């Protein structure tokens, strides 16, 4: 079933991708300054690095839970390891963004490579405390991954004078590439895990990190945020005076909290005691990532008119998919199908919220504010894992249901407040 689903989804994606590229063939001609060779070279360089970064990250994704389980840890132990990573990201993440704004985004991208490589290698040791150190390092690295690379790209894009509208093009390509390399990573992880054991994907993940380090060191310029004051203080001041950014951050946090908690839940949700050691986790993971690519195609197809509706779709559909494992926990085929739909909304989420951040967050404190957004997300995930998610899947998916519902409400408030602010700004002063 899982191999067939992956093949079908890949066929659908390829047909959609070819159709979209054909339809946009004329649009790619004569886009002004942004479409010249310099922009294409800049974009390809960033997307190459981004592809390797995500390939390294996704190699580890399918087997984190499975490896801990293979080492004989209980579900409570595994939950504690997951919690350590999210706590690390929550505590250190806020300062990672501030440090990158002050001391350089390129430097922090290089630091990510080093930290993530050490984290991956700790998976070779079946010792709880060594794995705990690895999870703490992974939390720090994840904070750098999710903000620093994007922040460097957006800042460099503007500093080189490329048209702002082309950022959406880069975000869309990044999401599609993210999904594509995740598919290959899932298949590669499955292949090496079958041959060499569950530790093999983590060793393989170190190789692209070495390549990334060389490329960034030799081709990227350094850029900074506001260095005249504390980036944390500046970010806090901006959020305090920008209610729409608070609602944007909360809606993003709700979706990401549910998404990362789902990572802890999906493996036991589709497996049984009889099948958990034989399921092709890499292939299943690749199917999920293909759905992310399909979601990114929907983003590319969307126009400025339909863009405003996409956040409601990506927040609304997961409310429905969260009900499925609660209502029919024994029907693994239907649960798997609902997970595919959820992953499609993730494919929408990444470019939609990247575009919203680029539009609304000030450049001088972009990394700091982006990491402020991650604080409530990590707090929610830690709370979920401490409370319901580690007890049973029904409790976990019930929490996801209400979190997605809260995310939908927060985005509604964001859209209302941001429209109100725009109208106020455009009103004549009497």
Foldseek 3Di string as FASTA:
>chain_A
DLLVLLVVLVVVLVVLVVVVCVVCVVVLPDPPPCNDPVNVVLLVLLLVLLLLLLLLVLLLLLQLVVLLVVLPDDLLLSLVLLLLLLVLLQVCLLVLLLCCQAVWLLVLLLVLLVLLLCLLVLSVDSDSVSPSSSSSSNSNSVSSSVFSSLLLSLVVCVVVPRDPVCVLVSLLVSQLSSLVSSLVSLVVSLVCCVVPNSSVSSNVSSVSSVVSNVSSVPPPDTDHFDNPDRLLVVLVVVCVVAVLLVLLLLLLLLLLLLVSLVSSVVLVQLDDPVCSVPDSSSSLSSLLSSLLNVLSSVVVVDDPVCLLVLSLVLLPLLLVLLCVCQVCSPPNVVNSVSSSVNSNSVSNVRSSSSVVLSVPPDSRNSSSNNSVSSNSNSVSNSVLSVPQSSPDSNSSSVSSNVSSVVSSVSVVVSVVSVVVVVVVVPDDDD
